[in-house]
C-alpha atoms as a PDB file:
ATOM      1  CA  UNK A   1       4.249 107.511 -15.103  1.00  0.00           C
ATOM      2  CA  UNK A   2       3.185 107.933 -18.690  1.00  0.00           C
ATOM      3  CA  UNK A   3       4.585 105.809 -21.476  1.00  0.00           C
ATOM      4  CA  UNK A   4       8.034 107.027 -21.908  1.00  0.00           C
ATOM      5  CA  UNK A   5       8.492 105.911 -25.611  1.00  0.00           C
ATOM      6  CA  UNK A   6       7.288 107.840 -28.737  1.00  0.00           C
ATOM      7  CA  UNK A   7       4.408 106.774 -31.066  1.00  0.00           C
ATOM      8  CA  UNK A   8       5.887 104.751 -33.964  1.00  0.00           C
ATOM      9  CA  UNK A   9       5.472 107.151 -36.685  1.00  0.00           C
ATOM     10  CA  UNK A  10       7.506 108.061 -39.749  1.00  0.00           C
ATOM     11  CA  UNK A  11       9.369 110.621 -37.714  1.00  0.00           C
ATOM     12  CA  UNK A  12      10.405 107.749 -35.227  1.00  0.00           C
ATOM     13  CA  UNK A  13      12.045 105.943 -38.092  1.00  0.00           C
ATOM     14  CA  UNK A  14      13.635 108.808 -39.630  1.00  0.00           C
ATOM     15  CA  UNK A  15      15.373 109.971 -36.722  1.00  0.00           C
ATOM     16  CA  UNK A  16      16.190 106.499 -35.624  1.00  0.00           C
ATOM     17  CA  UNK A  17      18.276 106.034 -38.852  1.00  0.00           C
ATOM     18  CA  UNK A  18      19.794 109.450 -38.491  1.00  0.00           C
ATOM     19  CA  UNK A  19      20.868 108.573 -34.958  1.00  0.00           C
ATOM     20  CA  UNK A  20      22.432 105.224 -36.131  1.00  0.00           C
ATOM     21  CA  UNK A  21      24.424 106.978 -38.641  1.00  0.00           C
ATOM     22  CA  UNK A  22      25.530 109.678 -36.171  1.00  0.00           C
ATOM     23  CA  UNK A  23      26.606 106.642 -33.983  1.00  0.00           C
ATOM     24  CA  UNK A  24      28.838 105.338 -36.631  1.00  0.00           C
ATOM     25  CA  UNK A  25      30.284 108.667 -37.751  1.00  0.00           C
ATOM     26  CA  UNK A  26      30.478 110.603 -34.432  1.00  0.00           C
ATOM     27  CA  UNK A  27      32.223 107.815 -32.521  1.00  0.00           C
ATOM     28  CA  UNK A  28      35.058 107.704 -35.270  1.00  0.00           C
ATOM     29  CA  UNK A  29      35.082 111.506 -35.479  1.00  0.00           C
ATOM     30  CA  UNK A  30      35.642 111.993 -31.766  1.00  0.00           C
ATOM     31  CA  UNK A  31      38.272 109.411 -31.728  1.00  0.00           C
ATOM     32  CA  UNK A  32      40.100 111.155 -34.427  1.00  0.00           C
ATOM     33  CA  UNK A  33      39.650 114.626 -33.656  1.00  0.00           C
ATOM     34  CA  UNK A  34      40.236 114.532 -29.751  1.00  0.00           C
ATOM     35  CA  UNK A  35      42.879 111.939 -29.971  1.00  0.00           C
ATOM     36  CA  UNK A  36      41.645 110.091 -27.020  1.00  0.00           C
ATOM     37  CA  UNK A  37      41.812 106.616 -28.490  1.00  0.00           C
ATOM     38  CA  UNK A  38      38.994 104.053 -28.427  1.00  0.00           C
ATOM     39  CA  UNK A  39      39.305 103.614 -24.712  1.00  0.00           C
ATOM     40  CA  UNK A  40      39.446 107.205 -23.755  1.00  0.00           C
ATOM     41  CA  UNK A  41      36.509 107.912 -26.247  1.00  0.00           C
ATOM     42  CA  UNK A  42      34.483 105.144 -24.730  1.00  0.00           C
ATOM     43  CA  UNK A  43      34.795 106.420 -21.278  1.00  0.00           C
ATOM     44  CA  UNK A  44      33.805 110.027 -22.120  1.00  0.00           C
ATOM     45  CA  UNK A  45      30.797 108.958 -24.139  1.00  0.00           C
ATOM     46  CA  UNK A  46      29.860 106.277 -21.528  1.00  0.00           C
ATOM     47  CA  UNK A  47      29.842 109.056 -18.857  1.00  0.00           C
ATOM     48  CA  UNK A  48      27.535 111.327 -21.003  1.00  0.00           C
ATOM     49  CA  UNK A  49      25.220 108.208 -21.601  1.00  0.00           C
ATOM     50  CA  UNK A  50      25.003 107.740 -17.756  1.00  0.00           C
ATOM     51  CA  UNK A  51      24.064 111.476 -17.245  1.00  0.00           C
ATOM     52  CA  UNK A  52      21.492 111.316 -19.984  1.00  0.00           C
ATOM     53  CA  UNK A  53      19.855 108.248 -18.863  1.00  0.00           C
ATOM     54  CA  UNK A  54      19.789 109.502 -15.270  1.00  0.00           C
ATOM     55  CA  UNK A  55      17.522 112.516 -16.529  1.00  0.00           C
ATOM     56  CA  UNK A  56      15.596 110.104 -18.902  1.00  0.00           C
ATOM     57  CA  UNK A  57      14.692 107.779 -15.882  1.00  0.00           C
ATOM     58  CA  UNK A  58      13.805 110.750 -13.743  1.00  0.00           C
ATOM     59  CA  UNK A  59      11.264 112.029 -16.311  1.00  0.00           C
ATOM     60  CA  UNK A  60       7.704 110.969 -15.765  1.00  0.00           C
ATOM     61  CA  UNK A  61       6.796 111.027 -19.313  1.00  0.00           C
ATOM     62  CA  UNK A  62       8.035 111.251 -22.933  1.00  0.00           C
ATOM     63  CA  UNK A  63      10.295 114.338 -23.655  1.00  0.00           C
ATOM     64  CA  UNK A  64      11.647 114.296 -27.086  1.00  0.00           C
ATOM     65  CA  UNK A  65      14.839 115.766 -26.270  1.00  0.00           C
ATOM     66  CA  UNK A  66      15.731 113.602 -23.395  1.00  0.00           C
ATOM     67  CA  UNK A  67      14.747 110.476 -25.320  1.00  0.00           C
ATOM     68  CA  UNK A  68      16.616 111.073 -28.497  1.00  0.00           C
ATOM     69  CA  UNK A  69      19.799 112.391 -26.874  1.00  0.00           C
ATOM     70  CA  UNK A  70      19.711 109.064 -25.026  1.00  0.00           C
ATOM     71  CA  UNK A  71      19.201 107.234 -28.141  1.00  0.00           C
ATOM     72  CA  UNK A  72      22.250 109.118 -29.937  1.00  0.00           C
ATOM     73  CA  UNK A  73      24.430 108.451 -27.105  1.00  0.00           C
ATOM     74  CA  UNK A  74      23.504 104.636 -26.918  1.00  0.00           C
ATOM     75  CA  UNK A  75      24.135 104.485 -30.560  1.00  0.00           C
ATOM     76  CA  UNK A  76      27.754 106.014 -30.117  1.00  0.00           C
ATOM     77  CA  UNK A  77      28.495 103.794 -27.145  1.00  0.00           C
ATOM     78  CA  UNK A  78      27.037 100.725 -28.961  1.00  0.00           C
ATOM     79  CA  UNK A  79      29.394 101.367 -31.858  1.00  0.00           C
ATOM     80  CA  UNK A  80      32.292 101.951 -29.327  1.00  0.00           C
ATOM     81  CA  UNK A  81      31.698  98.683 -27.455  1.00  0.00           C
ATOM     82  CA  UNK A  82      32.024  96.734 -30.738  1.00  0.00           C
ATOM     83  CA  UNK A  83      34.972  98.656 -31.905  1.00  0.00           C
ATOM     84  CA  UNK A  84      36.765  98.191 -28.606  1.00  0.00           C
ATOM     85  CA  UNK A  85      36.248  94.442 -28.831  1.00  0.00           C
ATOM     86  CA  UNK A  86      37.127  94.170 -32.568  1.00  0.00           C
ATOM     87  CA  UNK A  87      40.128  96.667 -32.483  1.00  0.00           C
ATOM     88  CA  UNK A  88      41.522  96.561 -28.927  1.00  0.00           C
ATOM     89  CA  UNK A  89      40.888  92.940 -28.131  1.00  0.00           C
ATOM     90  CA  UNK A  90      40.972  91.543 -31.778  1.00  0.00           C
ATOM     91  CA  UNK A  91      37.589  89.551 -31.290  1.00  0.00           C
ATOM     92  CA  UNK A  92      36.525  88.496 -34.582  1.00  0.00           C
ATOM     93  CA  UNK A  93      33.350  90.371 -36.108  1.00  0.00           C
ATOM     94  CA  UNK A  94      31.816  86.855 -36.455  1.00  0.00           C
ATOM     95  CA  UNK A  95      32.370  86.271 -32.752  1.00  0.00           C
ATOM     96  CA  UNK A  96      30.917  89.731 -31.697  1.00  0.00           C
ATOM     97  CA  UNK A  97      27.816  89.398 -34.134  1.00  0.00           C
ATOM     98  CA  UNK A  98      26.972  85.970 -32.264  1.00  0.00           C
ATOM     99  CA  UNK A  99      27.931  87.134 -28.774  1.00  0.00           C
ATOM    100  CA  UNK A 100      25.461  90.346 -29.099  1.00  0.00           C
ATOM    101  CA  UNK A 101      22.866  88.307 -30.798  1.00  0.00           C
ATOM    102  CA  UNK A 102      22.878  86.206 -27.677  1.00  0.00           C
ATOM    103  CA  UNK A 103      22.957  88.957 -25.413  1.00  0.00           C
ATOM    104  CA  UNK A 104      20.059  90.467 -27.230  1.00  0.00           C
ATOM    105  CA  UNK A 105      17.904  87.280 -27.168  1.00  0.00           C
ATOM    106  CA  UNK A 106      18.669  86.775 -23.359  1.00  0.00           C
ATOM    107  CA  UNK A 107      17.555  90.470 -22.754  1.00  0.00           C
ATOM    108  CA  UNK A 108      14.336  89.808 -24.654  1.00  0.00           C
ATOM    109  CA  UNK A 109      13.399  86.609 -22.789  1.00  0.00           C
ATOM    110  CA  UNK A 110      14.157  88.050 -19.534  1.00  0.00           C
ATOM    111  CA  UNK A 111      12.035  90.961 -20.399  1.00  0.00           C
ATOM    112  CA  UNK A 112       9.031  88.771 -21.554  1.00  0.00           C
ATOM    113  CA  UNK A 113       9.483  86.478 -18.439  1.00  0.00           C
ATOM    114  CA  UNK A 114       9.180  89.343 -16.084  1.00  0.00           C
ATOM    115  CA  UNK A 115       6.441  91.510 -17.893  1.00  0.00           C
ATOM    116  CA  UNK A 116       4.738  89.267 -20.457  1.00  0.00           C
ATOM    117  CA  UNK A 117       5.177  91.710 -23.098  1.00  0.00           C
ATOM    118  CA  UNK A 118       7.867  93.150 -25.379  1.00  0.00           C
ATOM    119  CA  UNK A 119       5.465  96.059 -26.456  1.00  0.00           C
ATOM    120  CA  UNK A 120       7.143  99.593 -26.518  1.00  0.00           C
ATOM    121  CA  UNK A 121       3.593 101.050 -26.028  1.00  0.00           C
ATOM    122  CA  UNK A 122       3.635 100.114 -22.277  1.00  0.00           C
ATOM    123  CA  UNK A 123       7.050 101.512 -21.255  1.00  0.00           C
ATOM    124  CA  UNK A 124       5.461 103.173 -18.078  1.00  0.00           C
ATOM    125  CA  UNK A 125       7.466 101.387 -15.182  1.00  0.00           C
ATOM    126  CA  UNK A 126      11.099 101.810 -14.266  1.00  0.00           C
ATOM    127  CA  UNK A 127      11.802  98.138 -14.862  1.00  0.00           C
ATOM    128  CA  UNK A 128      10.330  97.983 -18.271  1.00  0.00           C
ATOM    129  CA  UNK A 129      12.198 101.082 -19.223  1.00  0.00           C
ATOM    130  CA  UNK A 130      15.415  99.473 -17.859  1.00  0.00           C
ATOM    131  CA  UNK A 131      14.686  96.380 -20.222  1.00  0.00           C
ATOM    132  CA  UNK A 132      14.104  98.703 -23.126  1.00  0.00           C
ATOM    133  CA  UNK A 133      17.219 100.688 -22.893  1.00  0.00           C
ATOM    134  CA  UNK A 134      19.212  97.449 -22.526  1.00  0.00           C
ATOM    135  CA  UNK A 135      17.769  96.090 -25.444  1.00  0.00           C
ATOM    136  CA  UNK A 136      18.408  99.209 -27.490  1.00  0.00           C
ATOM    137  CA  UNK A 137      22.108  99.134 -26.397  1.00  0.00           C
ATOM    138  CA  UNK A 138      22.482  95.670 -27.627  1.00  0.00           C
ATOM    139  CA  UNK A 139      20.720  96.203 -30.849  1.00  0.00           C
ATOM    140  CA  UNK A 140      23.245  99.159 -31.474  1.00  0.00           C
ATOM    141  CA  UNK A 141      26.239  96.768 -30.762  1.00  0.00           C
ATOM    142  CA  UNK A 142      24.727  93.869 -32.740  1.00  0.00           C
ATOM    143  CA  UNK A 143      23.914  95.995 -35.649  1.00  0.00           C
ATOM    144  CA  UNK A 144      27.497  97.710 -35.694  1.00  0.00           C
ATOM    145  CA  UNK A 145      29.163  94.231 -35.661  1.00  0.00           C
ATOM    146  CA  UNK A 146      26.828  92.836 -38.385  1.00  0.00           C
ATOM    147  CA  UNK A 147      27.072  95.809 -40.558  1.00  0.00           C
ATOM    148  CA  UNK A 148      30.956  95.737 -40.483  1.00  0.00           C
ATOM    149  CA  UNK A 149      30.916  92.118 -40.921  1.00  0.00           C
ATOM    150  CA  UNK A 150      28.943  92.201 -44.200  1.00  0.00           C
ATOM    151  CA  UNK A 151      30.431  95.382 -45.477  1.00  0.00           C
ATOM    152  CA  UNK A 152      34.070  94.914 -44.747  1.00  0.00           C
ATOM    153  CA  UNK A 153      34.765  91.264 -43.764  1.00  0.00           C
ATOM    154  CA  UNK A 154      32.499  89.908 -46.571  1.00  0.00           C
ATOM    155  CA  UNK A 155      33.710  92.637 -48.952  1.00  0.00           C
ATOM    156  CA  UNK A 156      30.206  93.810 -50.255  1.00  0.00           C
ATOM    157  CA  UNK A 157      31.190  97.450 -49.772  1.00  0.00           C
ATOM    158  CA  UNK A 158      29.094 100.309 -48.068  1.00  0.00           C
ATOM    159  CA  UNK A 159      26.757 101.089 -50.937  1.00  0.00           C
ATOM    160  CA  UNK A 160      25.755  97.210 -51.412  1.00  0.00           C
ATOM    161  CA  UNK A 161      25.527  96.822 -47.739  1.00  0.00           C
ATOM    162  CA  UNK A 162      23.139  99.887 -47.576  1.00  0.00           C
ATOM    163  CA  UNK A 163      20.941  98.565 -50.278  1.00  0.00           C
ATOM    164  CA  UNK A 164      20.722  95.131 -48.840  1.00  0.00           C
ATOM    165  CA  UNK A 165      19.699  96.356 -45.303  1.00  0.00           C
ATOM    166  CA  UNK A 166      17.307  98.821 -46.855  1.00  0.00           C
ATOM    167  CA  UNK A 167      15.641  95.923 -48.823  1.00  0.00           C
ATOM    168  CA  UNK A 168      15.530  93.666 -45.526  1.00  0.00           C
ATOM    169  CA  UNK A 169      13.737  96.530 -43.806  1.00  0.00           C
ATOM    170  CA  UNK A 170      11.233  96.774 -46.734  1.00  0.00           C
ATOM    171  CA  UNK A 171      10.534  93.137 -46.613  1.00  0.00           C
ATOM    172  CA  UNK A 172       9.755  93.465 -42.961  1.00  0.00           C
ATOM    173  CA  UNK A 173       7.259  96.360 -43.481  1.00  0.00           C
ATOM    174  CA  UNK A 174       5.668  94.278 -46.179  1.00  0.00           C
ATOM    175  CA  UNK A 175       5.413  91.273 -43.965  1.00  0.00           C
ATOM    176  CA  UNK A 176       3.563  93.500 -41.437  1.00  0.00           C
ATOM    177  CA  UNK A 177       1.353  95.279 -43.520  1.00  0.00           C
ATOM    178  CA  UNK A 178       0.402  92.841 -46.085  1.00  0.00           C
ATOM    179  CA  UNK A 179       0.762  89.611 -44.273  1.00  0.00           C
ATOM    180  CA  UNK A 180      -0.208  90.714 -40.717  1.00  0.00           C
ATOM    181  CA  UNK A 181       2.915  89.422 -39.177  1.00  0.00           C
ATOM    182  CA  UNK A 182       3.148  90.368 -35.427  1.00  0.00           C
ATOM    183  CA  UNK A 183       3.662  93.947 -34.929  1.00  0.00           C
ATOM    184  CA  UNK A 184       6.046  93.658 -31.942  1.00  0.00           C
ATOM    185  CA  UNK A 185       8.157  91.025 -33.741  1.00  0.00           C
ATOM    186  CA  UNK A 186       8.392  93.123 -36.970  1.00  0.00           C
ATOM    187  CA  UNK A 187       9.054  96.276 -34.966  1.00  0.00           C
ATOM    188  CA  UNK A 188      12.106  94.798 -33.175  1.00  0.00           C
ATOM    189  CA  UNK A 189      13.437  92.959 -36.330  1.00  0.00           C
ATOM    190  CA  UNK A 190      13.223  96.434 -38.154  1.00  0.00           C
ATOM    191  CA  UNK A 191      14.799  98.280 -35.379  1.00  0.00           C
ATOM    192  CA  UNK A 192      17.755  95.860 -35.250  1.00  0.00           C
ATOM    193  CA  UNK A 193      18.140  96.169 -38.965  1.00  0.00           C
ATOM    194  CA  UNK A 194      18.204 100.144 -38.801  1.00  0.00           C
ATOM    195  CA  UNK A 195      21.410  99.896 -36.999  1.00  0.00           C
ATOM    196  CA  UNK A 196      23.509  98.350 -39.840  1.00  0.00           C
ATOM    197  CA  UNK A 197      21.496 100.511 -42.450  1.00  0.00           C
ATOM    198  CA  UNK A 198      22.425 103.682 -40.611  1.00  0.00           C
ATOM    199  CA  UNK A 199      26.072 102.417 -40.078  1.00  0.00           C
ATOM    200  CA  UNK A 200      26.459 101.491 -43.933  1.00  0.00           C
ATOM    201  CA  UNK A 201      25.013 104.938 -44.646  1.00  0.00           C
ATOM    202  CA  UNK A 202      27.355 106.715 -42.487  1.00  0.00           C
ATOM    203  CA  UNK A 203      30.341 104.966 -43.958  1.00  0.00           C
ATOM    204  CA  UNK A 204      29.216 105.334 -47.353  1.00  0.00           C
ATOM    205  CA  UNK A 205      28.951 109.146 -46.783  1.00  0.00           C
ATOM    206  CA  UNK A 206      32.198 109.614 -44.624  1.00  0.00           C
ATOM    207  CA  UNK A 207      34.751 107.317 -45.932  1.00  0.00           C
ATOM    208  CA  UNK A 208      37.391 108.351 -48.731  1.00  0.00           C
ATOM    209  CA  UNK A 209      36.174 107.742 -52.377  1.00  0.00           C
ATOM    210  CA  UNK A 210      39.257 105.362 -52.770  1.00  0.00           C
ATOM    211  CA  UNK A 211      37.569 103.016 -49.812  1.00  0.00           C
ATOM    212  CA  UNK A 212      34.080 103.142 -51.631  1.00  0.00           C
ATOM    213  CA  UNK A 213      32.622 106.032 -49.806  1.00  0.00           C
ATOM    214  CA  UNK A 214      31.574 109.685 -51.121  1.00  0.00           C
ATOM    215  CA  UNK A 215      34.565 111.452 -49.034  1.00  0.00           C
ATOM    216  CA  UNK A 216      32.395 113.843 -46.700  1.00  0.00           C
ATOM    217  CA  UNK A 217      34.508 112.893 -43.623  1.00  0.00           C
ATOM    218  CA  UNK A 218      33.188 111.770 -40.301  1.00  0.00           C
ATOM    219  CA  UNK A 219      32.956 115.162 -38.855  1.00  0.00           C
ATOM    220  CA  UNK A 220      31.086 116.793 -41.684  1.00  0.00           C
ATOM    221  CA  UNK A 221      28.511 113.782 -41.884  1.00  0.00           C
ATOM    222  CA  UNK A 222      27.975 113.941 -38.148  1.00  0.00           C
ATOM    223  CA  UNK A 223      27.303 117.704 -38.156  1.00  0.00           C
ATOM    224  CA  UNK A 224      24.819 117.335 -41.106  1.00  0.00           C
ATOM    225  CA  UNK A 225      22.910 114.476 -39.415  1.00  0.00           C
ATOM    226  CA  UNK A 226      23.063 115.911 -35.854  1.00  0.00           C
ATOM    227  CA  UNK A 227      21.650 119.285 -37.411  1.00  0.00           C
ATOM    228  CA  UNK A 228      18.620 117.073 -39.128  1.00  0.00           C
ATOM    229  CA  UNK A 229      18.024 115.295 -35.714  1.00  0.00           C
ATOM    230  CA  UNK A 230      17.959 118.461 -33.780  1.00  0.00           C
ATOM    231  CA  UNK A 231      15.447 120.236 -36.335  1.00  0.00           C
ATOM    232  CA  UNK A 232      13.198 117.215 -36.208  1.00  0.00           C
ATOM    233  CA  UNK A 233      13.137 116.793 -32.292  1.00  0.00           C
ATOM    234  CA  UNK A 234      12.528 120.649 -31.842  1.00  0.00           C
ATOM    235  CA  UNK A 235       9.589 120.074 -34.261  1.00  0.00           C
ATOM    236  CA  UNK A 236       8.316 117.103 -32.199  1.00  0.00           C
ATOM    237  CA  UNK A 237       8.827 118.908 -28.964  1.00  0.00           C
ATOM    238  CA  UNK A 238       6.536 121.863 -30.329  1.00  0.00           C
ATOM    239  CA  UNK A 239       3.827 119.847 -32.065  1.00  0.00           C
ATOM    240  CA  UNK A 240       3.769 116.699 -29.916  1.00  0.00           C
ATOM    241  CA  UNK A 241       3.201 114.919 -32.966  1.00  0.00           C
ATOM    242  CA  UNK A 242       4.734 111.641 -31.609  1.00  0.00           C
ATOM    243  CA  UNK A 243       3.338 111.721 -28.191  1.00  0.00           C
ATOM    244  CA  UNK A 244       0.484 109.362 -27.283  1.00  0.00           C
ATOM    245  CA  UNK A 245      -2.953 111.125 -27.215  1.00  0.00           C
ATOM    246  CA  UNK A 246      -3.217 110.947 -23.488  1.00  0.00           C
ATOM    247  CA  UNK A 247       0.155 112.880 -23.181  1.00  0.00           C
ATOM    248  CA  UNK A 248      -0.674 115.384 -25.915  1.00  0.00           C
ATOM    249  CA  UNK A 249      -3.691 116.691 -24.138  1.00  0.00           C
END
């Protein structure tokens, strides 16, 4: 089995941020438009995620469409998990942030204990891929909780939160490029931070102006970002720009 994850290029980070934004806005839009409630929306999106991951695991190589559909659905489901805990079960955002941080740390520790690496450049066994997707799910849930905690609970607002997380990601990039901080460590830190970045961006674009947003609405924002994701994924599927050299041949 070839590596199941794309190369880390600018395309990876752009699509990742777009996916995290869609995860925030699409969860809200589906909940509002279909009137399913958080529980119903969670069940529908959870089922779609299971189907997407089924085909993703069956694939023997990286397929852009399969991979990024799985990421989008994980983003939505991760958001819904946090929203369910906060809205339906009244779990404080501080608590969910701590719980998902612990869950992610345990996942990384378990992954490293079994595989002796957390590198995404070697996702070529089913067990490694399972660890990878589990970690991704917890990064989305954690990012949603942390983003909402800072933007809403701490009252910083969506735009300030967006700039804050963008600045933190820039600092991580500088730490890796200029100070040679471990690539695997900085990758995962940046990956976690892109979730609240995308969530803040989605809320800033979609929420009403009276609430500190631009008022584009969750549906309109979701459509715009899904179209951008689709265009980029089609481009990558054709050009194989983000495939490993051995896969592109």
